[in-house]
């Protein structure tokens, strides 16, 4: 299954061969990381961004042959790390990539140099009311409740996710939401997303375990969030300090896809944090 993960690399700086890797575990953000933030960080870090199966440039195994669950996606990324021989890394965790990344760091605490959460949640208070229809699907996984979620995967709703909370829309390139809409038009993509929407409940169940990992191992931690994210509230960023008293928390005046509008600020914060 490791062959289903498309790898995207920018080389390790020759003059700093042992700097930790910066692994971006997410689906939509992989392209954004590569195009926007990677050039701002590639002179200091060895950067690696894997696509999750079913997303981006990776293959999408048929649903009858592969269960789209967060446990399975984490297993694929774990194998990716092992095959590449990555001994130590800093994790960049965003959106649904966050619970995948948090599963991995729980199993590999000795490999974790640091964690950067960009609107990557691990606390109940970080979930907004936008999750209410998804919560209904968790508690009552009927066809009607599944179908009620389809609208958020349409092109207009995808664009809304990029633009909500952004004060100057000229800063949002159409490339991101157009590419997302293109990928969502692929066969079975919508059903894969709905499978993962249902399984997101497994992440909420694991929130206490993620938090226990934070308390026990106290990884270096930076939470840098758009404070107008319609999905993950600023309270979710602030909550990390409950278990990580030394966590750095930065809130930006933007929405969910903060790299679209604040790439330089985020790259600078990451570079300062990791150096």
C-alpha atoms as a PDB file:
ATOM      1  CA  UNK A   1       0.000   0.000   0.000  1.00  0.00           C
ATOM      2  CA  UNK A   2       2.945   2.366   0.357  1.00  0.00           C
ATOM      3  CA  UNK A   3       2.838   2.710  -3.433  1.00  0.00           C
ATOM      4  CA  UNK A   4      -0.463   4.556  -3.112  1.00  0.00           C
ATOM      5  CA  UNK A   5       1.230   7.493  -1.436  1.00  0.00           C
ATOM      6  CA  UNK A   6       2.660  10.117  -3.742  1.00  0.00           C
ATOM      7  CA  UNK A   7       5.804  11.672  -2.312  1.00  0.00           C
ATOM      8  CA  UNK A   8       6.724  15.300  -2.787  1.00  0.00           C
ATOM      9  CA  UNK A   9      10.216  16.366  -1.810  1.00  0.00           C
ATOM     10  CA  UNK A  10      12.394  19.418  -1.695  1.00  0.00           C
ATOM     11  CA  UNK A  11      15.986  18.436  -0.988  1.00  0.00           C
ATOM     12  CA  UNK A  12      17.821  18.646   2.284  1.00  0.00           C
ATOM     13  CA  UNK A  13      20.091  21.712   2.485  1.00  0.00           C
ATOM     14  CA  UNK A  14      23.653  20.596   1.838  1.00  0.00           C
ATOM     15  CA  UNK A  15      25.111  22.813   4.545  1.00  0.00           C
ATOM     16  CA  UNK A  16      22.676  21.552   7.213  1.00  0.00           C
ATOM     17  CA  UNK A  17      22.345  17.815   6.550  1.00  0.00           C
ATOM     18  CA  UNK A  18      20.987  16.851   9.945  1.00  0.00           C
ATOM     19  CA  UNK A  19      18.176  19.338  10.423  1.00  0.00           C
ATOM     20  CA  UNK A  20      14.893  17.612  11.264  1.00  0.00           C
ATOM     21  CA  UNK A  21      12.362  16.935   8.562  1.00  0.00           C
ATOM     22  CA  UNK A  22       9.180  18.955   8.372  1.00  0.00           C
ATOM     23  CA  UNK A  23       6.408  16.522   7.503  1.00  0.00           C
ATOM     24  CA  UNK A  24       3.122  17.899   6.291  1.00  0.00           C
ATOM     25  CA  UNK A  25       0.368  15.343   6.860  1.00  0.00           C
ATOM     26  CA  UNK A  26      -2.735  16.572   5.145  1.00  0.00           C
ATOM     27  CA  UNK A  27      -4.480  16.253   1.826  1.00  0.00           C
ATOM     28  CA  UNK A  28      -5.379  19.648   0.370  1.00  0.00           C
ATOM     29  CA  UNK A  29      -2.548  21.436   2.140  1.00  0.00           C
ATOM     30  CA  UNK A  30       0.153  19.346   0.453  1.00  0.00           C
ATOM     31  CA  UNK A  31      -0.034  21.437  -2.703  1.00  0.00           C
ATOM     32  CA  UNK A  32      -0.243  24.639  -0.699  1.00  0.00           C
ATOM     33  CA  UNK A  33       2.723  23.648   1.465  1.00  0.00           C
ATOM     34  CA  UNK A  34       4.761  22.815  -1.598  1.00  0.00           C
ATOM     35  CA  UNK A  35       3.911  25.926  -3.588  1.00  0.00           C
ATOM     36  CA  UNK A  36       3.741  28.549  -0.861  1.00  0.00           C
ATOM     37  CA  UNK A  37       5.659  27.667   2.298  1.00  0.00           C
ATOM     38  CA  UNK A  38       8.277  25.225   1.005  1.00  0.00           C
ATOM     39  CA  UNK A  39      10.316  27.835  -0.894  1.00  0.00           C
ATOM     40  CA  UNK A  40      10.427  29.918   2.288  1.00  0.00           C
ATOM     41  CA  UNK A  41      11.792  27.029   4.366  1.00  0.00           C
ATOM     42  CA  UNK A  42      13.701  24.825   1.928  1.00  0.00           C
ATOM     43  CA  UNK A  43      17.050  26.500   2.594  1.00  0.00           C
ATOM     44  CA  UNK A  44      16.926  25.356   6.234  1.00  0.00           C
ATOM     45  CA  UNK A  45      15.001  22.113   6.400  1.00  0.00           C
ATOM     46  CA  UNK A  46      14.523  18.850   4.558  1.00  0.00           C
ATOM     47  CA  UNK A  47      10.851  19.093   3.643  1.00  0.00           C
ATOM     48  CA  UNK A  48       8.586  16.150   2.942  1.00  0.00           C
ATOM     49  CA  UNK A  49       4.882  16.277   2.107  1.00  0.00           C
ATOM     50  CA  UNK A  50       3.042  12.988   1.564  1.00  0.00           C
ATOM     51  CA  UNK A  51      -0.374  12.755  -0.055  1.00  0.00           C
ATOM     52  CA  UNK A  52      -2.847  10.595   1.828  1.00  0.00           C
ATOM     53  CA  UNK A  53      -4.410   7.784  -0.240  1.00  0.00           C
ATOM     54  CA  UNK A  54      -7.456   9.135  -2.033  1.00  0.00           C
ATOM     55  CA  UNK A  55      -6.190  12.716  -2.026  1.00  0.00           C
ATOM     56  CA  UNK A  56      -3.997  14.912  -4.179  1.00  0.00           C
ATOM     57  CA  UNK A  57      -1.738  12.992  -6.535  1.00  0.00           C
ATOM     58  CA  UNK A  58      -1.975   9.691  -4.672  1.00  0.00           C
ATOM     59  CA  UNK A  59      -3.950   6.715  -5.873  1.00  0.00           C
ATOM     60  CA  UNK A  60      -7.434   6.120  -4.524  1.00  0.00           C
ATOM     61  CA  UNK A  61      -7.900   2.422  -3.761  1.00  0.00           C
ATOM     62  CA  UNK A  62     -11.400   1.152  -4.389  1.00  0.00           C
ATOM     63  CA  UNK A  63     -13.560   1.409  -1.297  1.00  0.00           C
ATOM     64  CA  UNK A  64     -14.369  -2.296  -1.444  1.00  0.00           C
ATOM     65  CA  UNK A  65     -10.634  -3.027  -1.153  1.00  0.00           C
ATOM     66  CA  UNK A  66      -9.571  -0.345   1.306  1.00  0.00           C
ATOM     67  CA  UNK A  67     -11.440   1.037   4.300  1.00  0.00           C
ATOM     68  CA  UNK A  68     -11.062   4.812   4.439  1.00  0.00           C
ATOM     69  CA  UNK A  69     -10.496   5.223   8.158  1.00  0.00           C
ATOM     70  CA  UNK A  70      -8.069   7.428  10.014  1.00  0.00           C
ATOM     71  CA  UNK A  71      -6.361   4.383  11.495  1.00  0.00           C
ATOM     72  CA  UNK A  72      -5.681   3.029   8.020  1.00  0.00           C
ATOM     73  CA  UNK A  73      -4.457   6.383   6.709  1.00  0.00           C
ATOM     74  CA  UNK A  74      -2.128   6.718   9.696  1.00  0.00           C
ATOM     75  CA  UNK A  75      -0.797   3.225   8.986  1.00  0.00           C
ATOM     76  CA  UNK A  76       0.054   4.241   5.419  1.00  0.00           C
ATOM     77  CA  UNK A  77       1.883   7.389   6.549  1.00  0.00           C
ATOM     78  CA  UNK A  78       3.683   5.365   9.237  1.00  0.00           C
ATOM     79  CA  UNK A  79       4.934   2.996   6.550  1.00  0.00           C
ATOM     80  CA  UNK A  80       5.907   6.005   4.440  1.00  0.00           C
ATOM     81  CA  UNK A  81       8.094   7.251   7.291  1.00  0.00           C
ATOM     82  CA  UNK A  82       9.642   3.833   7.787  1.00  0.00           C
ATOM     83  CA  UNK A  83      10.365   3.237   4.095  1.00  0.00           C
ATOM     84  CA  UNK A  84      12.064   6.614   3.820  1.00  0.00           C
ATOM     85  CA  UNK A  85      14.058   5.930   6.970  1.00  0.00           C
ATOM     86  CA  UNK A  86      13.000   9.152   8.701  1.00  0.00           C
ATOM     87  CA  UNK A  87      14.445   8.859  12.189  1.00  0.00           C
ATOM     88  CA  UNK A  88      13.432  12.248  13.531  1.00  0.00           C
ATOM     89  CA  UNK A  89      11.020  14.871  12.289  1.00  0.00           C
ATOM     90  CA  UNK A  90       8.964  17.924  13.077  1.00  0.00           C
ATOM     91  CA  UNK A  91       5.316  17.363  12.247  1.00  0.00           C
ATOM     92  CA  UNK A  92       3.153  19.983  10.521  1.00  0.00           C
ATOM     93  CA  UNK A  93      -0.440  18.974  11.175  1.00  0.00           C
ATOM     94  CA  UNK A  94      -3.434  20.620   9.527  1.00  0.00           C
ATOM     95  CA  UNK A  95      -7.167  19.881   9.381  1.00  0.00           C
ATOM     96  CA  UNK A  96      -7.853  16.155   8.987  1.00  0.00           C
ATOM     97  CA  UNK A  97      -4.127  15.549   8.700  1.00  0.00           C
ATOM     98  CA  UNK A  98      -3.786  16.467  12.377  1.00  0.00           C
ATOM     99  CA  UNK A  99      -5.391  13.331  13.868  1.00  0.00           C
ATOM    100  CA  UNK A 100      -3.365  11.234  11.424  1.00  0.00           C
ATOM    101  CA  UNK A 101      -0.195  12.970  12.555  1.00  0.00           C
ATOM    102  CA  UNK A 102      -1.136  12.750  16.236  1.00  0.00           C
ATOM    103  CA  UNK A 103      -1.644   8.980  15.891  1.00  0.00           C
ATOM    104  CA  UNK A 104       1.862   8.714  14.457  1.00  0.00           C
ATOM    105  CA  UNK A 105       3.600  10.800  17.110  1.00  0.00           C
ATOM    106  CA  UNK A 106       1.868   8.835  19.877  1.00  0.00           C
ATOM    107  CA  UNK A 107       3.478   5.678  18.497  1.00  0.00           C
ATOM    108  CA  UNK A 108       6.842   7.313  17.797  1.00  0.00           C
ATOM    109  CA  UNK A 109       7.538   9.779  20.616  1.00  0.00           C
ATOM    110  CA  UNK A 110      11.285   9.287  20.291  1.00  0.00           C
ATOM    111  CA  UNK A 111      11.214  10.544  16.692  1.00  0.00           C
ATOM    112  CA  UNK A 112       9.393  13.797  17.366  1.00  0.00           C
ATOM    113  CA  UNK A 113      11.524  16.940  17.320  1.00  0.00           C
ATOM    114  CA  UNK A 114       8.522  19.276  17.428  1.00  0.00           C
ATOM    115  CA  UNK A 115       4.878  19.635  16.392  1.00  0.00           C
ATOM    116  CA  UNK A 116       3.310  22.527  14.502  1.00  0.00           C
ATOM    117  CA  UNK A 117      -0.485  22.600  14.478  1.00  0.00           C
ATOM    118  CA  UNK A 118      -2.044  24.865  11.884  1.00  0.00           C
ATOM    119  CA  UNK A 119      -5.761  24.615  12.595  1.00  0.00           C
ATOM    120  CA  UNK A 120      -5.193  21.000  13.577  1.00  0.00           C
ATOM    121  CA  UNK A 121      -7.496  20.173  16.470  1.00  0.00           C
ATOM    122  CA  UNK A 122      -7.265  17.807  19.457  1.00  0.00           C
ATOM    123  CA  UNK A 123      -9.897  19.217  21.845  1.00  0.00           C
ATOM    124  CA  UNK A 124     -13.688  19.136  21.922  1.00  0.00           C
ATOM    125  CA  UNK A 125     -13.874  22.902  22.465  1.00  0.00           C
ATOM    126  CA  UNK A 126     -12.150  23.402  19.141  1.00  0.00           C
ATOM    127  CA  UNK A 127     -15.099  21.967  17.196  1.00  0.00           C
ATOM    128  CA  UNK A 128     -17.527  24.609  15.946  1.00  0.00           C
ATOM    129  CA  UNK A 129     -21.254  24.303  15.275  1.00  0.00           C
ATOM    130  CA  UNK A 130     -20.432  23.575  11.628  1.00  0.00           C
ATOM    131  CA  UNK A 131     -19.750  20.045  12.886  1.00  0.00           C
ATOM    132  CA  UNK A 132     -23.342  19.555  14.059  1.00  0.00           C
ATOM    133  CA  UNK A 133     -24.580  17.850  10.850  1.00  0.00           C
ATOM    134  CA  UNK A 134     -21.502  15.624  10.935  1.00  0.00           C
ATOM    135  CA  UNK A 135     -22.157  14.776  14.579  1.00  0.00           C
ATOM    136  CA  UNK A 136     -25.703  13.776  13.614  1.00  0.00           C
ATOM    137  CA  UNK A 137     -24.211  11.425  11.048  1.00  0.00           C
ATOM    138  CA  UNK A 138     -21.946   9.927  13.729  1.00  0.00           C
ATOM    139  CA  UNK A 139     -24.850   9.236  16.058  1.00  0.00           C
ATOM    140  CA  UNK A 140     -27.261   8.133  13.314  1.00  0.00           C
ATOM    141  CA  UNK A 141     -25.403   7.006  10.160  1.00  0.00           C
ATOM    142  CA  UNK A 142     -28.406   6.899   7.866  1.00  0.00           C
ATOM    143  CA  UNK A 143     -28.423   7.551   4.139  1.00  0.00           C
ATOM    144  CA  UNK A 144     -30.318  10.785   4.767  1.00  0.00           C
ATOM    145  CA  UNK A 145     -27.701  12.061   7.210  1.00  0.00           C
ATOM    146  CA  UNK A 146     -24.922  11.051   4.825  1.00  0.00           C
ATOM    147  CA  UNK A 147     -26.591  12.833   1.916  1.00  0.00           C
ATOM    148  CA  UNK A 148     -27.031  15.964   4.030  1.00  0.00           C
ATOM    149  CA  UNK A 149     -23.236  16.387   3.999  1.00  0.00           C
ATOM    150  CA  UNK A 150     -22.799  16.299   0.235  1.00  0.00           C
ATOM    151  CA  UNK A 151     -23.348  20.016  -0.283  1.00  0.00           C
ATOM    152  CA  UNK A 152     -20.138  20.944   1.540  1.00  0.00           C
ATOM    153  CA  UNK A 153     -18.171  19.054  -1.105  1.00  0.00           C
ATOM    154  CA  UNK A 154     -19.551  21.046  -4.028  1.00  0.00           C
ATOM    155  CA  UNK A 155     -17.360  23.691  -5.738  1.00  0.00           C
ATOM    156  CA  UNK A 156     -19.168  26.667  -4.181  1.00  0.00           C
ATOM    157  CA  UNK A 157     -18.791  25.230  -0.676  1.00  0.00           C
ATOM    158  CA  UNK A 158     -15.137  24.380  -1.269  1.00  0.00           C
ATOM    159  CA  UNK A 159     -14.504  27.971  -2.316  1.00  0.00           C
ATOM    160  CA  UNK A 160     -16.351  29.184   0.784  1.00  0.00           C
ATOM    161  CA  UNK A 161     -13.961  27.142   2.948  1.00  0.00           C
ATOM    162  CA  UNK A 162     -11.033  29.037   1.443  1.00  0.00           C
ATOM    163  CA  UNK A 163     -12.592  32.487   1.606  1.00  0.00           C
ATOM    164  CA  UNK A 164     -14.504  32.474   4.895  1.00  0.00           C
ATOM    165  CA  UNK A 165     -12.873  34.774   7.426  1.00  0.00           C
ATOM    166  CA  UNK A 166     -10.466  36.361   4.932  1.00  0.00           C
ATOM    167  CA  UNK A 167     -10.583  40.151   4.987  1.00  0.00           C
ATOM    168  CA  UNK A 168      -8.972  40.641   1.562  1.00  0.00           C
ATOM    169  CA  UNK A 169     -10.080  37.960  -0.897  1.00  0.00           C
ATOM    170  CA  UNK A 170      -7.469  39.067  -3.428  1.00  0.00           C
ATOM    171  CA  UNK A 171      -4.973  37.204  -1.224  1.00  0.00           C
ATOM    172  CA  UNK A 172      -6.711  33.880  -1.927  1.00  0.00           C
ATOM    173  CA  UNK A 173      -5.521  32.322  -5.155  1.00  0.00           C
ATOM    174  CA  UNK A 174      -8.208  30.430  -7.091  1.00  0.00           C
ATOM    175  CA  UNK A 175      -5.690  27.647  -7.637  1.00  0.00           C
ATOM    176  CA  UNK A 176      -6.372  25.979  -4.283  1.00  0.00           C
ATOM    177  CA  UNK A 177     -10.129  25.712  -4.359  1.00  0.00           C
ATOM    178  CA  UNK A 178     -10.131  24.987  -8.111  1.00  0.00           C
ATOM    179  CA  UNK A 179      -7.720  22.095  -7.620  1.00  0.00           C
ATOM    180  CA  UNK A 180      -9.797  20.788  -4.726  1.00  0.00           C
ATOM    181  CA  UNK A 181     -12.958  20.906  -6.849  1.00  0.00           C
ATOM    182  CA  UNK A 182     -11.136  19.077  -9.643  1.00  0.00           C
ATOM    183  CA  UNK A 183     -10.050  16.311  -7.259  1.00  0.00           C
ATOM    184  CA  UNK A 184     -13.512  16.065  -5.756  1.00  0.00           C
ATOM    185  CA  UNK A 185     -14.931  15.416  -9.244  1.00  0.00           C
ATOM    186  CA  UNK A 186     -12.931  12.196  -9.534  1.00  0.00           C
ATOM    187  CA  UNK A 187     -14.902   8.939  -9.294  1.00  0.00           C
ATOM    188  CA  UNK A 188     -15.743   7.979  -5.713  1.00  0.00           C
ATOM    189  CA  UNK A 189     -14.017  11.014  -4.183  1.00  0.00           C
ATOM    190  CA  UNK A 190     -17.248  12.209  -2.590  1.00  0.00           C
ATOM    191  CA  UNK A 191     -17.935   8.789  -1.100  1.00  0.00           C
ATOM    192  CA  UNK A 192     -14.391   8.628   0.290  1.00  0.00           C
ATOM    193  CA  UNK A 193     -14.887  12.003   1.961  1.00  0.00           C
ATOM    194  CA  UNK A 194     -18.187  10.857   3.435  1.00  0.00           C
ATOM    195  CA  UNK A 195     -16.561   7.675   4.764  1.00  0.00           C
ATOM    196  CA  UNK A 196     -13.944   9.821   6.481  1.00  0.00           C
ATOM    197  CA  UNK A 197     -16.555  12.235   7.785  1.00  0.00           C
ATOM    198  CA  UNK A 198     -18.195   9.271   9.526  1.00  0.00           C
ATOM    199  CA  UNK A 199     -14.894   7.973  10.864  1.00  0.00           C
ATOM    200  CA  UNK A 200     -13.859  11.391  12.168  1.00  0.00           C
ATOM    201  CA  UNK A 201     -15.762  10.337  15.290  1.00  0.00           C
ATOM    202  CA  UNK A 202     -12.831   8.015  15.999  1.00  0.00           C
ATOM    203  CA  UNK A 203     -10.590  11.066  16.306  1.00  0.00           C
ATOM    204  CA  UNK A 204     -12.810  12.656  18.926  1.00  0.00           C
ATOM    205  CA  UNK A 205     -12.704   9.399  20.870  1.00  0.00           C
ATOM    206  CA  UNK A 206      -8.902   9.585  20.723  1.00  0.00           C
ATOM    207  CA  UNK A 207      -8.689  13.224  21.839  1.00  0.00           C
ATOM    208  CA  UNK A 208      -8.026  12.167  25.476  1.00  0.00           C
ATOM    209  CA  UNK A 209      -5.210   9.889  24.291  1.00  0.00           C
ATOM    210  CA  UNK A 210      -3.677  12.676  22.198  1.00  0.00           C
ATOM    211  CA  UNK A 211      -3.852  14.922  25.250  1.00  0.00           C
ATOM    212  CA  UNK A 212      -2.270  12.249  27.453  1.00  0.00           C
ATOM    213  CA  UNK A 213       0.599  12.009  24.956  1.00  0.00           C
ATOM    214  CA  UNK A 214       1.092  15.782  25.132  1.00  0.00           C
ATOM    215  CA  UNK A 215       1.132  15.716  28.949  1.00  0.00           C
ATOM    216  CA  UNK A 216       3.548  12.808  29.191  1.00  0.00           C
ATOM    217  CA  UNK A 217       6.091  13.709  26.533  1.00  0.00           C
ATOM    218  CA  UNK A 218       5.795  17.514  26.430  1.00  0.00           C
ATOM    219  CA  UNK A 219       6.886  17.878  22.789  1.00  0.00           C
ATOM    220  CA  UNK A 220       7.912  21.312  21.625  1.00  0.00           C
ATOM    221  CA  UNK A 221       4.674  22.709  20.238  1.00  0.00           C
ATOM    222  CA  UNK A 222       3.572  25.629  18.100  1.00  0.00           C
ATOM    223  CA  UNK A 223      -0.113  26.204  17.366  1.00  0.00           C
ATOM    224  CA  UNK A 224      -0.550  28.811  14.648  1.00  0.00           C
ATOM    225  CA  UNK A 225      -4.192  29.126  13.634  1.00  0.00           C
ATOM    226  CA  UNK A 226      -6.457  31.286  11.565  1.00  0.00           C
ATOM    227  CA  UNK A 227      -8.810  32.692  14.201  1.00  0.00           C
ATOM    228  CA  UNK A 228     -11.815  32.844  11.857  1.00  0.00           C
ATOM    229  CA  UNK A 229     -11.759  29.194  10.848  1.00  0.00           C
ATOM    230  CA  UNK A 230     -15.404  28.085  10.513  1.00  0.00           C
ATOM    231  CA  UNK A 231     -14.508  24.490  11.509  1.00  0.00           C
ATOM    232  CA  UNK A 232     -11.889  24.741  14.272  1.00  0.00           C
ATOM    233  CA  UNK A 233     -12.274  27.502  16.828  1.00  0.00           C
ATOM    234  CA  UNK A 234      -9.463  29.489  18.513  1.00  0.00           C
ATOM    235  CA  UNK A 235     -10.424  27.764  21.766  1.00  0.00           C
ATOM    236  CA  UNK A 236      -8.962  24.610  20.265  1.00  0.00           C
ATOM    237  CA  UNK A 237      -5.600  26.317  19.826  1.00  0.00           C
ATOM    238  CA  UNK A 238      -5.630  27.774  23.336  1.00  0.00           C
ATOM    239  CA  UNK A 239      -6.554  24.367  24.790  1.00  0.00           C
ATOM    240  CA  UNK A 240      -3.129  22.939  23.935  1.00  0.00           C
ATOM    241  CA  UNK A 241      -1.700  24.992  26.809  1.00  0.00           C
ATOM    242  CA  UNK A 242      -3.760  22.923  29.228  1.00  0.00           C
ATOM    243  CA  UNK A 243      -1.510  19.940  28.547  1.00  0.00           C
ATOM    244  CA  UNK A 244       1.519  21.772  27.122  1.00  0.00           C
ATOM    245  CA  UNK A 245       2.179  24.787  29.367  1.00  0.00           C
ATOM    246  CA  UNK A 246       5.140  25.842  27.222  1.00  0.00           C
ATOM    247  CA  UNK A 247       3.249  25.675  23.925  1.00  0.00           C
ATOM    248  CA  UNK A 248       3.493  28.716  21.700  1.00  0.00           C
ATOM    249  CA  UNK A 249       0.076  29.907  20.487  1.00  0.00           C
ATOM    250  CA  UNK A 250      -0.308  32.384  17.648  1.00  0.00           C
ATOM    251  CA  UNK A 251      -3.669  33.439  16.215  1.00  0.00           C
ATOM    252  CA  UNK A 252      -3.790  35.039  12.783  1.00  0.00           C
ATOM    253  CA  UNK A 253      -6.488  37.269  11.308  1.00  0.00           C
ATOM    254  CA  UNK A 254      -7.609  34.797   8.663  1.00  0.00           C
ATOM    255  CA  UNK A 255      -9.643  31.658   8.032  1.00  0.00           C
ATOM    256  CA  UNK A 256      -9.101  27.913   7.738  1.00  0.00           C
ATOM    257  CA  UNK A 257      -6.482  27.918   4.969  1.00  0.00           C
ATOM    258  CA  UNK A 258      -4.135  30.308   6.720  1.00  0.00           C
ATOM    259  CA  UNK A 259      -1.232  29.575   4.372  1.00  0.00           C
ATOM    260  CA  UNK A 260      -3.210  31.147   1.550  1.00  0.00           C
ATOM    261  CA  UNK A 261      -3.033  34.566   3.196  1.00  0.00           C
ATOM    262  CA  UNK A 262      -0.237  34.338   5.773  1.00  0.00           C
ATOM    263  CA  UNK A 263       2.382  32.044   4.273  1.00  0.00           C
ATOM    264  CA  UNK A 264       5.302  34.325   5.065  1.00  0.00           C
ATOM    265  CA  UNK A 265       4.181  34.872   8.650  1.00  0.00           C
ATOM    266  CA  UNK A 266       3.706  31.129   9.171  1.00  0.00           C
ATOM    267  CA  UNK A 267       7.026  30.220   7.556  1.00  0.00           C
ATOM    268  CA  UNK A 268       8.833  32.816   9.690  1.00  0.00           C
ATOM    269  CA  UNK A 269       7.149  31.513  12.850  1.00  0.00           C
ATOM    270  CA  UNK A 270       8.118  27.938  11.967  1.00  0.00           C
ATOM    271  CA  UNK A 271      11.721  28.856  11.201  1.00  0.00           C
ATOM    272  CA  UNK A 272      12.032  30.814  14.459  1.00  0.00           C
ATOM    273  CA  UNK A 273      10.375  28.006  16.406  1.00  0.00           C
ATOM    274  CA  UNK A 274      12.557  25.205  15.015  1.00  0.00           C
ATOM    275  CA  UNK A 275      15.875  27.060  15.134  1.00  0.00           C
END
